[in-house]
Amino acid sequence: MTTFQVAIHVGNTVGAIFYEDGKAEVRLDHIKKEAVEKFLQTPLTMDVAVNDIHTFETKTLQPLESLDNLKICLTRLWEATGVYVAWSRPIEV
């Protein structure tokens, strides 16, 4: 499996999340690093689109259970921690 990588940042502090085989490494030189790590370990209940963008089901997802779960849960990272996911930013760490 290839390691999934996504850039994150808080203010001017840039970091990244690296995910492979159900494990994530958070690289962020900021006090919010612990909040991101806790977020990734905590089940998250949310409405998730199924079949199309008009039909939703409430699901509880474990962020590290799969890459798909991780990507969906990362859409809520900012709201939960104040850490922004920069989906298109190149990894700099």
C-alpha atoms as a PDB file:
ATOM      1  CA  MET A   1       0.000   0.000   0.000  1.00  0.00           C
ATOM      2  CA  THR A   2       1.185   3.504  -0.794  1.00  0.00           C
ATOM      3  CA  THR A   3       1.334   6.011   2.047  1.00  0.00           C
ATOM      4  CA  PHE A   4      -1.430   8.606   1.831  1.00  0.00           C
ATOM      5  CA  GLN A   5      -0.173  12.097   2.622  1.00  0.00           C
ATOM      6  CA  VAL A   6      -2.051  15.326   3.186  1.00  0.00           C
ATOM      7  CA  ALA A   7      -0.792  18.737   4.289  1.00  0.00           C
ATOM      8  CA  ILE A   8      -2.245  20.439   7.355  1.00  0.00           C
ATOM      9  CA  HIS A   9      -1.603  23.815   8.918  1.00  0.00           C
ATOM     10  CA  VAL A  10      -2.392  26.106  11.821  1.00  0.00           C
ATOM     11  CA  GLY A  11      -1.693  29.745  11.041  1.00  0.00           C
ATOM     12  CA  ASN A  12       1.826  29.807   9.587  1.00  0.00           C
ATOM     13  CA  THR A  13       2.764  26.386  10.971  1.00  0.00           C
ATOM     14  CA  VAL A  14       2.681  23.738   8.249  1.00  0.00           C
ATOM     15  CA  GLY A  15       2.637  19.993   8.848  1.00  0.00           C
ATOM     16  CA  ALA A  16       1.248  16.790   7.405  1.00  0.00           C
ATOM     17  CA  ILE A  17      -0.595  13.583   8.145  1.00  0.00           C
ATOM     18  CA  PHE A  18       0.852  10.342   6.775  1.00  0.00           C
ATOM     19  CA  TYR A  19      -1.480   7.303   6.709  1.00  0.00           C
ATOM     20  CA  GLU A  20      -0.748   3.680   5.915  1.00  0.00           C
ATOM     21  CA  ASP A  21      -2.302   0.380   7.026  1.00  0.00           C
ATOM     22  CA  GLY A  22      -4.584   1.838   9.705  1.00  0.00           C
ATOM     23  CA  LYS A  23      -1.898   3.994  11.316  1.00  0.00           C
ATOM     24  CA  ALA A  24      -1.316   7.710  11.051  1.00  0.00           C
ATOM     25  CA  GLU A  25       1.685   9.857  11.819  1.00  0.00           C
ATOM     26  CA  VAL A  26       0.992  13.519  12.501  1.00  0.00           C
ATOM     27  CA  ARG A  27       3.893  15.853  11.846  1.00  0.00           C
ATOM     28  CA  LEU A  28       3.041  19.281  13.197  1.00  0.00           C
ATOM     29  CA  ASP A  29       5.277  21.455  15.341  1.00  0.00           C
ATOM     30  CA  HIS A  30       2.375  23.084  17.182  1.00  0.00           C
ATOM     31  CA  ILE A  31       0.376  22.612  20.368  1.00  0.00           C
ATOM     32  CA  LYS A  32      -2.547  21.413  18.191  1.00  0.00           C
ATOM     33  CA  LYS A  33      -0.662  18.219  17.253  1.00  0.00           C
ATOM     34  CA  GLU A  34      -2.165  16.388  20.238  1.00  0.00           C
ATOM     35  CA  ALA A  35      -5.663  17.523  19.249  1.00  0.00           C
ATOM     36  CA  VAL A  36      -5.186  16.101  15.740  1.00  0.00           C
ATOM     37  CA  GLU A  37      -3.870  12.796  17.122  1.00  0.00           C
ATOM     38  CA  LYS A  38      -6.845  12.548  19.498  1.00  0.00           C
ATOM     39  CA  PHE A  39      -9.255  13.393  16.658  1.00  0.00           C
ATOM     40  CA  LEU A  40      -7.856  10.528  14.573  1.00  0.00           C
ATOM     41  CA  GLN A  41      -8.378   8.069  17.460  1.00  0.00           C
ATOM     42  CA  THR A  42     -11.975   9.105  18.210  1.00  0.00           C
ATOM     43  CA  PRO A  43     -15.062   7.682  16.446  1.00  0.00           C
ATOM     44  CA  LEU A  44     -16.972  10.393  14.594  1.00  0.00           C
ATOM     45  CA  THR A  45     -20.719  10.335  13.940  1.00  0.00           C
ATOM     46  CA  MET A  46     -21.882  12.294  10.914  1.00  0.00           C
ATOM     47  CA  ASP A  47     -24.198  12.250   7.933  1.00  0.00           C
ATOM     48  CA  VAL A  48     -22.433  10.599   4.995  1.00  0.00           C
ATOM     49  CA  ALA A  49     -23.569  10.653   1.364  1.00  0.00           C
ATOM     50  CA  VAL A  50     -24.587   7.251   0.001  1.00  0.00           C
ATOM     51  CA  ASN A  51     -25.223   6.436  -3.660  1.00  0.00           C
ATOM     52  CA  ASP A  52     -25.575  10.122  -4.630  1.00  0.00           C
ATOM     53  CA  ILE A  53     -25.150  13.607  -3.182  1.00  0.00           C
ATOM     54  CA  HIS A  54     -28.822  13.830  -2.207  1.00  0.00           C
ATOM     55  CA  THR A  55     -29.060  10.766   0.036  1.00  0.00           C
ATOM     56  CA  PHE A  56     -27.388  10.673   3.441  1.00  0.00           C
ATOM     57  CA  GLU A  57     -27.094   8.164   6.259  1.00  0.00           C
ATOM     58  CA  THR A  58     -25.911   8.848   9.773  1.00  0.00           C
ATOM     59  CA  LYS A  59     -22.815   6.735  10.359  1.00  0.00           C
ATOM     60  CA  THR A  60     -20.185   6.442  13.042  1.00  0.00           C
ATOM     61  CA  LEU A  61     -16.759   6.220  11.465  1.00  0.00           C
ATOM     62  CA  GLN A  62     -13.434   5.258  12.999  1.00  0.00           C
ATOM     63  CA  PRO A  63     -11.013   7.615  11.162  1.00  0.00           C
ATOM     64  CA  LEU A  64      -8.100   5.169  10.980  1.00  0.00           C
ATOM     65  CA  GLU A  65     -10.144   2.103   9.998  1.00  0.00           C
ATOM     66  CA  SER A  66      -9.688   2.790   6.275  1.00  0.00           C
ATOM     67  CA  LEU A  67      -8.379   5.423   3.906  1.00  0.00           C
ATOM     68  CA  ASP A  68     -11.940   6.275   2.849  1.00  0.00           C
ATOM     69  CA  ASN A  69     -12.951   6.830   6.486  1.00  0.00           C
ATOM     70  CA  LEU A  70      -9.895   8.986   7.048  1.00  0.00           C
ATOM     71  CA  LYS A  71     -10.658  11.222   4.083  1.00  0.00           C
ATOM     72  CA  ILE A  72     -14.281  11.656   5.133  1.00  0.00           C
ATOM     73  CA  CYS A  73     -13.356  12.392   8.753  1.00  0.00           C
ATOM     74  CA  LEU A  74     -10.668  14.890   7.742  1.00  0.00           C
ATOM     75  CA  THR A  75     -13.444  17.050   6.297  1.00  0.00           C
ATOM     76  CA  ARG A  76     -14.384  17.727   9.933  1.00  0.00           C
ATOM     77  CA  LEU A  77     -10.857  18.324  11.275  1.00  0.00           C
ATOM     78  CA  TRP A  78     -11.032  22.123  11.112  1.00  0.00           C
ATOM     79  CA  GLU A  79     -14.296  22.294  13.028  1.00  0.00           C
ATOM     80  CA  ALA A  80     -13.057  19.892  15.715  1.00  0.00           C
ATOM     81  CA  THR A  81      -9.481  21.136  16.180  1.00  0.00           C
ATOM     82  CA  GLY A  82      -8.879  24.396  14.329  1.00  0.00           C
ATOM     83  CA  VAL A  83      -6.335  22.624  12.099  1.00  0.00           C
ATOM     84  CA  TYR A  84      -6.882  23.153   8.376  1.00  0.00           C
ATOM     85  CA  VAL A  85      -6.459  20.355   5.826  1.00  0.00           C
ATOM     86  CA  ALA A  86      -4.729  21.729   2.711  1.00  0.00           C
ATOM     87  CA  TRP A  87      -5.771  19.011   0.264  1.00  0.00           C
ATOM     88  CA  SER A  88      -3.864  20.381  -2.720  1.00  0.00           C
ATOM     89  CA  ARG A  89      -0.790  21.746  -0.945  1.00  0.00           C
ATOM     90  CA  PRO A  90       2.480  19.873  -1.515  1.00  0.00           C
ATOM     91  CA  ILE A  91       3.972  18.167   1.550  1.00  0.00           C
ATOM     92  CA  GLU A  92       6.836  20.262   2.933  1.00  0.00           C
ATOM     93  CA  VAL A  93       7.890  18.256   6.013  1.00  0.00           C
END
